[in-house]
Amino acid sequence: MCVAVCLNWYDVCLGLCPNSLWCSFYTKGYDPRDLLTGDFVRLDYRVKSPQNFRLGDFQKGVFVCLKEVESDLFIFEEVLPKLPKNRLCIKTKPPLYYRDFIPLVEIERYFAPPKEAQTIQDLLANPNNQAIVTLKIFQEKARIVDLKVMKYK
């Protein structure tokens, strides 16, 4: 009950705040279903770890900076240990066992009803298909608003 109330409050805060920003990204899905935690698609944003990062940088959290490449379509540009000024970023605290890439833990799962999750899983099993994820970002925090799969013929 408390979790639902907190999540609902978070949604209301992001929804009402005029400074929040909607962003879309191309992504791939992997390991889409987990019987223990429910029906979701796990998303891979392909954010690479910088070569010069220390273990302490990961423990404090890192900032993944965004760059707009088209109207409302963004890519993840670079990962920094400190919050940069005047740049759009998402803060994340990746697990310490990840070295080559940085999972965006807070937005890597898209929960869906069982039938929809299965459909998304089947579509993303094709390596040529990709998803477009729409995020809402406010004060370096992000949440998934929408996910659409683009099919390639």
N, C-alpha and C. Protein backbone atom coordinates (compact mmCIF):
# COMPACT_ATOMS: atom_id res chain seq x y z
N MET A 1 0.83 -1.19 0.00
CA MET A 1 0.00 0.00 0.00
C MET A 1 0.87 1.25 0.00
N CYS A 2 1.90 1.26 0.85
CA CYS A 2 2.79 2.42 0.92
C CYS A 2 3.52 2.62 -0.40
N VAL A 3 3.96 1.52 -1.02
CA VAL A 3 4.67 1.63 -2.28
C VAL A 3 3.76 2.23 -3.34
N ALA A 4 2.51 1.78 -3.39
CA ALA A 4 1.57 2.31 -4.38
C ALA A 4 1.33 3.79 -4.17
N VAL A 5 1.20 4.20 -2.92
CA VAL A 5 0.98 5.61 -2.63
C VAL A 5 2.20 6.43 -3.04
N CYS A 6 3.40 5.94 -2.72
CA CYS A 6 4.62 6.67 -3.08
C CYS A 6 4.77 6.77 -4.59
N LEU A 7 4.54 5.67 -5.31
CA LEU A 7 4.64 5.71 -6.76
C LEU A 7 3.60 6.64 -7.34
N ASN A 8 2.39 6.61 -6.80
CA ASN A 8 1.35 7.49 -7.29
C ASN A 8 1.74 8.95 -7.04
N TRP A 9 2.30 9.26 -5.88
CA TRP A 9 2.74 10.62 -5.57
C TRP A 9 3.84 11.04 -6.54
N TYR A 10 4.76 10.13 -6.84
CA TYR A 10 5.84 10.43 -7.78
C TYR A 10 5.28 10.75 -9.16
N ASP A 11 4.29 9.95 -9.61
CA ASP A 11 3.65 10.20 -10.90
C ASP A 11 2.97 11.56 -10.91
N VAL A 12 2.27 11.89 -9.84
CA VAL A 12 1.57 13.17 -9.78
C VAL A 12 2.58 14.32 -9.82
N CYS A 13 3.67 14.19 -9.08
CA CYS A 13 4.69 15.25 -9.08
C CYS A 13 5.28 15.44 -10.47
N LEU A 14 5.63 14.35 -11.14
CA LEU A 14 6.19 14.47 -12.48
C LEU A 14 5.16 14.98 -13.47
N GLY A 15 3.92 14.56 -13.29
CA GLY A 15 2.88 14.96 -14.23
C GLY A 15 2.51 16.42 -14.12
N LEU A 16 2.54 16.99 -12.93
CA LEU A 16 2.12 18.37 -12.74
C LEU A 16 3.25 19.37 -12.90
N CYS A 17 4.47 18.92 -12.82
CA CYS A 17 5.60 19.84 -12.85
C CYS A 17 5.82 20.37 -14.27
N PRO A 18 5.78 21.67 -14.45
CA PRO A 18 5.98 22.22 -15.79
C PRO A 18 7.42 22.10 -16.28
N ASN A 19 8.36 21.83 -15.39
CA ASN A 19 9.77 21.74 -15.79
C ASN A 19 10.18 20.33 -16.21
N SER A 20 9.27 19.36 -16.12
CA SER A 20 9.63 18.01 -16.54
C SER A 20 9.68 17.97 -18.07
N LEU A 21 10.47 17.04 -18.60
CA LEU A 21 10.70 16.96 -20.03
C LEU A 21 10.39 15.55 -20.52
N TRP A 22 9.75 15.45 -21.66
CA TRP A 22 9.46 14.16 -22.28
C TRP A 22 10.54 13.90 -23.32
N CYS A 23 11.15 12.72 -23.29
CA CYS A 23 12.22 12.35 -24.21
C CYS A 23 11.95 10.96 -24.76
N SER A 24 12.34 10.72 -26.00
CA SER A 24 12.21 9.40 -26.61
C SER A 24 13.59 8.87 -26.98
N PHE A 25 13.76 7.54 -26.87
CA PHE A 25 15.03 6.89 -27.14
C PHE A 25 14.78 5.60 -27.91
N TYR A 26 15.73 5.23 -28.78
CA TYR A 26 15.73 3.90 -29.36
C TYR A 26 16.40 2.97 -28.36
N THR A 27 15.88 1.77 -28.23
CA THR A 27 16.48 0.82 -27.30
C THR A 27 16.20 -0.60 -27.79
N LYS A 28 16.88 -1.54 -27.21
CA LYS A 28 16.66 -2.97 -27.48
C LYS A 28 16.14 -3.62 -26.21
N GLY A 29 15.38 -4.68 -26.37
CA GLY A 29 14.91 -5.44 -25.22
C GLY A 29 15.72 -6.71 -25.06
N TYR A 30 15.89 -7.15 -23.84
CA TYR A 30 16.59 -8.41 -23.59
C TYR A 30 16.04 -9.05 -22.33
N ASP A 31 16.22 -10.35 -22.20
CA ASP A 31 15.74 -11.10 -21.04
C ASP A 31 14.36 -10.61 -20.62
N PRO A 32 13.39 -10.65 -21.54
CA PRO A 32 12.16 -9.90 -21.30
C PRO A 32 11.26 -10.39 -20.18
N ARG A 33 11.30 -11.65 -19.78
CA ARG A 33 10.30 -12.09 -18.80
C ARG A 33 10.98 -12.69 -17.58
N ASP A 34 10.39 -12.48 -16.44
CA ASP A 34 10.91 -13.01 -15.18
C ASP A 34 9.71 -13.52 -14.39
N LEU A 35 9.64 -14.81 -14.17
CA LEU A 35 8.48 -15.40 -13.51
C LEU A 35 8.34 -14.96 -12.06
N LEU A 36 9.43 -14.58 -11.41
CA LEU A 36 9.36 -14.21 -10.00
C LEU A 36 8.88 -12.79 -9.76
N THR A 37 9.20 -11.86 -10.65
CA THR A 37 8.86 -10.46 -10.39
C THR A 37 7.77 -9.91 -11.29
N GLY A 38 7.20 -10.73 -12.16
CA GLY A 38 6.08 -10.25 -12.95
C GLY A 38 6.41 -10.12 -14.42
N ASP A 39 5.47 -9.59 -15.15
CA ASP A 39 5.60 -9.46 -16.59
C ASP A 39 6.17 -8.09 -16.94
N PHE A 40 7.36 -8.10 -17.50
CA PHE A 40 7.99 -6.85 -17.90
C PHE A 40 8.97 -7.13 -19.02
N VAL A 41 9.36 -6.08 -19.70
CA VAL A 41 10.40 -6.15 -20.70
C VAL A 41 11.60 -5.42 -20.13
N ARG A 42 12.74 -6.07 -20.14
CA ARG A 42 13.98 -5.43 -19.67
C ARG A 42 14.59 -4.70 -20.86
N LEU A 43 14.95 -3.44 -20.66
CA LEU A 43 15.44 -2.60 -21.74
C LEU A 43 16.94 -2.37 -21.64
N ASP A 44 17.59 -2.36 -22.77
CA ASP A 44 19.03 -2.13 -22.85
C ASP A 44 19.25 -0.83 -23.61
N TYR A 45 19.68 0.20 -22.91
CA TYR A 45 19.89 1.51 -23.52
C TYR A 45 21.29 1.66 -24.11
N ARG A 46 22.14 0.66 -23.94
CA ARG A 46 23.49 0.62 -24.51
C ARG A 46 24.34 1.83 -24.09
N VAL A 47 24.37 2.07 -22.79
CA VAL A 47 25.20 3.14 -22.23
C VAL A 47 26.53 2.50 -21.80
N LYS A 48 27.60 2.89 -22.45
CA LYS A 48 28.91 2.29 -22.16
C LYS A 48 29.59 2.99 -20.99
N SER A 49 30.29 2.20 -20.20
CA SER A 49 31.06 2.76 -19.08
C SER A 49 32.30 3.46 -19.60
N PRO A 50 32.63 4.63 -19.06
CA PRO A 50 33.88 5.29 -19.45
C PRO A 50 35.09 4.50 -18.96
N GLN A 51 36.18 4.61 -19.67
CA GLN A 51 37.40 3.87 -19.32
C GLN A 51 38.01 4.34 -18.00
N ASN A 52 37.85 5.61 -17.66
CA ASN A 52 38.56 6.18 -16.52
C ASN A 52 37.76 6.18 -15.22
N PHE A 53 36.65 5.46 -15.16
CA PHE A 53 35.83 5.48 -13.95
C PHE A 53 36.43 4.60 -12.86
N ARG A 54 36.31 5.08 -11.63
CA ARG A 54 36.76 4.32 -10.47
C ARG A 54 35.55 3.68 -9.80
N LEU A 55 35.79 2.71 -8.96
CA LEU A 55 34.72 2.03 -8.23
C LEU A 55 33.92 3.01 -7.39
N GLY A 56 34.58 3.98 -6.78
CA GLY A 56 33.91 4.98 -5.96
C GLY A 56 32.91 5.83 -6.74
N ASP A 57 33.19 6.07 -8.02
CA ASP A 57 32.26 6.83 -8.85
C ASP A 57 30.93 6.10 -8.96
N PHE A 58 31.00 4.78 -9.09
CA PHE A 58 29.77 4.00 -9.21
C PHE A 58 29.00 3.96 -7.90
N GLN A 59 29.71 3.93 -6.78
CA GLN A 59 29.03 3.85 -5.48
C GLN A 59 28.24 5.12 -5.18
N LYS A 60 28.74 6.26 -5.60
CA LYS A 60 28.04 7.53 -5.36
C LYS A 60 26.91 7.78 -6.35
N GLY A 61 26.98 7.16 -7.48
CA GLY A 61 26.01 7.40 -8.55
C GLY A 61 26.66 8.20 -9.66
N VAL A 62 26.16 8.02 -10.86
CA VAL A 62 26.71 8.71 -12.03
C VAL A 62 25.58 9.43 -12.76
N PHE A 63 25.97 10.36 -13.62
CA PHE A 63 25.02 11.13 -14.41
C PHE A 63 25.20 10.79 -15.88
N VAL A 64 24.14 10.31 -16.50
CA VAL A 64 24.16 9.98 -17.91
C VAL A 64 23.56 11.17 -18.66
N CYS A 65 24.37 11.83 -19.47
CA CYS A 65 23.94 13.04 -20.17
C CYS A 65 23.25 12.68 -21.48
N LEU A 66 22.26 13.48 -21.82
CA LEU A 66 21.45 13.24 -23.01
C LEU A 66 21.75 14.29 -24.08
N LYS A 67 21.60 13.88 -25.33
CA LYS A 67 21.78 14.80 -26.45
C LYS A 67 20.62 14.61 -27.41
N GLU A 68 19.99 15.71 -27.81
CA GLU A 68 18.86 15.64 -28.74
C GLU A 68 19.42 15.53 -30.16
N VAL A 69 19.00 14.49 -30.89
CA VAL A 69 19.46 14.28 -32.27
C VAL A 69 18.40 14.64 -33.29
N GLU A 70 17.15 14.54 -32.90
CA GLU A 70 16.01 14.98 -33.71
C GLU A 70 15.02 15.60 -32.75
N SER A 71 13.93 16.09 -33.27
CA SER A 71 12.91 16.68 -32.41
C SER A 71 12.38 15.63 -31.44
N ASP A 72 12.61 15.82 -30.15
CA ASP A 72 12.18 14.93 -29.08
C ASP A 72 12.77 13.53 -29.14
N LEU A 73 13.82 13.32 -29.92
CA LEU A 73 14.51 12.03 -29.97
C LEU A 73 15.94 12.25 -29.48
N PHE A 74 16.32 11.49 -28.45
CA PHE A 74 17.59 11.71 -27.77
C PHE A 74 18.46 10.47 -27.83
N ILE A 75 19.75 10.68 -27.58
CA ILE A 75 20.70 9.58 -27.37
C ILE A 75 21.43 9.86 -26.05
N PHE A 76 22.02 8.81 -25.48
CA PHE A 76 22.84 8.99 -24.29
C PHE A 76 24.25 9.31 -24.77
N GLU A 77 24.72 10.49 -24.37
CA GLU A 77 25.97 11.00 -24.93
C GLU A 77 27.20 10.59 -24.12
N GLU A 78 27.21 10.90 -22.84
CA GLU A 78 28.38 10.59 -22.02
C GLU A 78 27.96 10.36 -20.58
N VAL A 79 28.86 9.74 -19.82
CA VAL A 79 28.62 9.44 -18.42
C VAL A 79 29.63 10.23 -17.59
N LEU A 80 29.12 10.95 -16.59
CA LEU A 80 29.99 11.80 -15.76
C LEU A 80 29.80 11.46 -14.28
N PRO A 81 30.86 11.62 -13.47
CA PRO A 81 30.73 11.34 -12.04
C PRO A 81 30.04 12.46 -11.26
N LYS A 82 30.00 13.68 -11.83
CA LYS A 82 29.37 14.82 -11.16
C LYS A 82 28.32 15.44 -12.06
N LEU A 83 27.34 16.08 -11.45
CA LEU A 83 26.27 16.73 -12.20
C LEU A 83 26.82 17.91 -13.00
N PRO A 84 26.70 17.87 -14.32
CA PRO A 84 27.16 19.00 -15.13
C PRO A 84 26.13 20.13 -15.10
N LYS A 85 26.59 21.34 -15.35
CA LYS A 85 25.68 22.49 -15.38
C LYS A 85 25.02 22.60 -16.75
N ASN A 86 23.75 22.96 -16.74
CA ASN A 86 22.99 23.25 -17.96
C ASN A 86 22.97 22.11 -18.97
N ARG A 87 22.89 20.88 -18.49
CA ARG A 87 22.76 19.72 -19.38
C ARG A 87 21.68 18.81 -18.84
N LEU A 88 20.97 18.19 -19.73
CA LEU A 88 19.93 17.24 -19.36
C LEU A 88 20.58 15.91 -19.03
N CYS A 89 20.32 15.40 -17.82
CA CYS A 89 20.96 14.17 -17.34
C CYS A 89 19.96 13.30 -16.60
N ILE A 90 20.32 12.03 -16.49
CA ILE A 90 19.61 11.09 -15.64
C ILE A 90 20.63 10.56 -14.64
N LYS A 91 20.28 10.61 -13.36
CA LYS A 91 21.18 10.07 -12.33
C LYS A 91 20.83 8.61 -12.09
N THR A 92 21.84 7.78 -12.01
CA THR A 92 21.64 6.37 -11.73
C THR A 92 22.77 5.87 -10.85
N LYS A 93 22.48 4.81 -10.13
CA LYS A 93 23.49 4.17 -9.29
C LYS A 93 23.58 2.72 -9.74
N PRO A 94 24.47 2.44 -10.70
CA PRO A 94 24.53 1.08 -11.24
C PRO A 94 25.11 0.09 -10.24
N PRO A 95 24.68 -1.17 -10.33
CA PRO A 95 25.27 -2.19 -9.47
C PRO A 95 26.78 -2.30 -9.73
N LEU A 96 27.52 -2.65 -8.70
CA LEU A 96 28.98 -2.66 -8.80
C LEU A 96 29.52 -3.76 -9.72
N TYR A 97 28.73 -4.79 -10.00
CA TYR A 97 29.24 -5.88 -10.81
C TYR A 97 29.17 -5.58 -12.31
N TYR A 98 28.63 -4.44 -12.71
CA TYR A 98 28.63 -4.05 -14.12
C TYR A 98 29.89 -3.26 -14.40
N ARG A 99 30.59 -3.60 -15.46
CA ARG A 99 31.82 -2.91 -15.79
C ARG A 99 31.80 -2.31 -17.20
N ASP A 100 31.33 -3.06 -18.19
CA ASP A 100 31.40 -2.61 -19.58
C ASP A 100 30.29 -1.64 -19.96
N PHE A 101 29.15 -1.77 -19.32
CA PHE A 101 28.04 -0.88 -19.63
C PHE A 101 27.33 -0.49 -18.35
N ILE A 102 26.53 0.55 -18.44
CA ILE A 102 25.82 1.06 -17.27
C ILE A 102 24.33 0.81 -17.46
N PRO A 103 23.75 -0.09 -16.66
CA PRO A 103 22.30 -0.26 -16.75
C PRO A 103 21.61 0.92 -16.05
N LEU A 104 20.59 1.44 -16.68
CA LEU A 104 19.80 2.51 -16.06
C LEU A 104 18.73 1.83 -15.23
N VAL A 105 19.12 1.43 -14.03
CA VAL A 105 18.32 0.57 -13.16
C VAL A 105 16.90 1.09 -12.98
N GLU A 106 16.76 2.39 -12.84
CA GLU A 106 15.45 2.97 -12.54
C GLU A 106 14.48 2.88 -13.72
N ILE A 107 14.99 2.74 -14.93
CA ILE A 107 14.11 2.73 -16.11
C ILE A 107 14.40 1.55 -17.04
N GLU A 108 14.94 0.47 -16.51
CA GLU A 108 15.26 -0.66 -17.38
C GLU A 108 14.13 -1.68 -17.49
N ARG A 109 13.09 -1.54 -16.69
CA ARG A 109 11.97 -2.48 -16.76
C ARG A 109 10.69 -1.76 -17.16
N TYR A 110 10.04 -2.30 -18.18
CA TYR A 110 8.74 -1.79 -18.62
C TYR A 110 7.72 -2.88 -18.30
N PHE A 111 6.89 -2.64 -17.29
CA PHE A 111 5.90 -3.63 -16.88
C PHE A 111 4.68 -3.54 -17.78
N ALA A 112 4.11 -4.71 -18.09
CA ALA A 112 2.96 -4.78 -18.99
C ALA A 112 2.10 -5.98 -18.59
N PRO A 113 0.83 -5.98 -19.00
CA PRO A 113 -0.01 -7.16 -18.77
C PRO A 113 0.61 -8.38 -19.47
N PRO A 114 0.31 -9.59 -18.99
CA PRO A 114 0.97 -10.79 -19.52
C PRO A 114 0.91 -10.93 -21.05
N LYS A 115 -0.25 -10.73 -21.66
CA LYS A 115 -0.35 -10.89 -23.12
C LYS A 115 0.47 -9.83 -23.85
N GLU A 116 0.42 -8.60 -23.37
CA GLU A 116 1.19 -7.52 -24.00
C GLU A 116 2.69 -7.76 -23.83
N ALA A 117 3.10 -8.22 -22.65
CA ALA A 117 4.52 -8.50 -22.41
C ALA A 117 5.01 -9.61 -23.33
N GLN A 118 4.18 -10.63 -23.55
CA GLN A 118 4.56 -11.72 -24.45
C GLN A 118 4.69 -11.22 -25.88
N THR A 119 3.77 -10.36 -26.31
CA THR A 119 3.83 -9.79 -27.66
C THR A 119 5.09 -8.97 -27.84
N ILE A 120 5.39 -8.13 -26.86
CA ILE A 120 6.60 -7.31 -26.93
C ILE A 120 7.84 -8.19 -26.95
N GLN A 121 7.83 -9.24 -26.12
CA GLN A 121 8.96 -10.17 -26.08
C GLN A 121 9.18 -10.79 -27.46
N ASP A 122 8.10 -11.25 -28.09
CA ASP A 122 8.22 -11.88 -29.40
C ASP A 122 8.77 -10.90 -30.45
N LEU A 123 8.29 -9.66 -30.42
CA LEU A 123 8.75 -8.66 -31.38
C LEU A 123 10.22 -8.31 -31.16
N LEU A 124 10.62 -8.16 -29.91
CA LEU A 124 12.01 -7.77 -29.62
C LEU A 124 12.99 -8.94 -29.72
N ALA A 125 12.47 -10.16 -29.86
CA ALA A 125 13.36 -11.31 -30.08
C ALA A 125 14.03 -11.21 -31.45
N ASN A 126 13.40 -10.50 -32.38
CA ASN A 126 13.99 -10.26 -33.69
C ASN A 126 15.04 -9.16 -33.52
N PRO A 127 16.31 -9.44 -33.82
CA PRO A 127 17.36 -8.43 -33.59
C PRO A 127 17.22 -7.18 -34.45
N ASN A 128 16.42 -7.25 -35.52
CA ASN A 128 16.22 -6.08 -36.37
C ASN A 128 15.18 -5.12 -35.82
N ASN A 129 14.34 -5.60 -34.91
CA ASN A 129 13.32 -4.73 -34.31
C ASN A 129 13.92 -3.96 -33.15
N GLN A 130 13.40 -2.78 -32.91
CA GLN A 130 13.84 -2.00 -31.75
C GLN A 130 12.65 -1.27 -31.16
N ALA A 131 12.82 -0.86 -29.94
CA ALA A 131 11.74 -0.17 -29.23
C ALA A 131 12.05 1.32 -29.17
N ILE A 132 11.00 2.11 -29.14
CA ILE A 132 11.12 3.53 -28.85
C ILE A 132 10.49 3.74 -27.48
N VAL A 133 11.31 4.17 -26.54
CA VAL A 133 10.86 4.38 -25.17
C VAL A 133 10.71 5.88 -24.95
N THR A 134 9.58 6.27 -24.38
CA THR A 134 9.36 7.66 -24.02
C THR A 134 9.51 7.79 -22.51
N LEU A 135 10.39 8.69 -22.10
CA LEU A 135 10.66 8.92 -20.68
C LEU A 135 10.19 10.31 -20.29
N LYS A 136 9.85 10.45 -19.04
CA LYS A 136 9.58 11.76 -18.47
C LYS A 136 10.69 12.01 -17.46
N ILE A 137 11.40 13.13 -17.59
CA ILE A 137 12.56 13.42 -16.76
C ILE A 137 12.32 14.70 -15.97
N PHE A 138 12.60 14.62 -14.67
CA PHE A 138 12.48 15.78 -13.79
C PHE A 138 13.55 15.66 -12.71
N GLN A 139 14.37 16.67 -12.57
CA GLN A 139 15.45 16.71 -11.57
C GLN A 139 16.30 15.44 -11.58
N GLU A 140 16.79 15.09 -12.75
CA GLU A 140 17.67 13.94 -12.97
C GLU A 140 17.02 12.60 -12.66
N LYS A 141 15.71 12.56 -12.46
CA LYS A 141 14.99 11.31 -12.25
C LYS A 141 14.12 11.06 -13.48
N ALA A 142 14.01 9.80 -13.87
CA ALA A 142 13.24 9.46 -15.06
C ALA A 142 12.27 8.34 -14.76
N ARG A 143 11.19 8.32 -15.52
CA ARG A 143 10.26 7.19 -15.47
C ARG A 143 9.77 6.92 -16.88
N ILE A 144 9.43 5.67 -17.15
CA ILE A 144 8.94 5.28 -18.47
C ILE A 144 7.48 5.67 -18.60
N VAL A 145 7.16 6.35 -19.69
CA VAL A 145 5.79 6.76 -19.96
C VAL A 145 5.17 5.85 -21.02
N ASP A 146 5.97 5.44 -22.02
CA ASP A 146 5.41 4.66 -23.12
C ASP A 146 6.52 3.83 -23.77
N LEU A 147 6.12 2.73 -24.40
CA LEU A 147 7.04 1.90 -25.16
C LEU A 147 6.33 1.43 -26.42
N LYS A 148 6.97 1.61 -27.56
CA LYS A 148 6.43 1.14 -28.84
C LYS A 148 7.54 0.36 -29.55
N VAL A 149 7.16 -0.73 -30.20
CA VAL A 149 8.13 -1.54 -30.93
C VAL A 149 8.02 -1.23 -32.41
N MET A 150 9.17 -0.94 -33.04
CA MET A 150 9.23 -0.71 -34.48
C MET A 150 9.63 -2.01 -35.15
N LYS A 151 8.80 -2.48 -36.06
CA LYS A 151 9.09 -3.71 -36.78
C LYS A 151 9.79 -3.39 -38.09
N TYR A 152 10.85 -4.14 -38.37
CA TYR A 152 11.55 -4.01 -39.64
C TYR A 152 11.20 -5.21 -40.50
N LYS A 153 10.96 -4.96 -41.77
CA LYS A 153 10.56 -6.05 -42.68
C LYS A 153 11.76 -6.70 -43.31
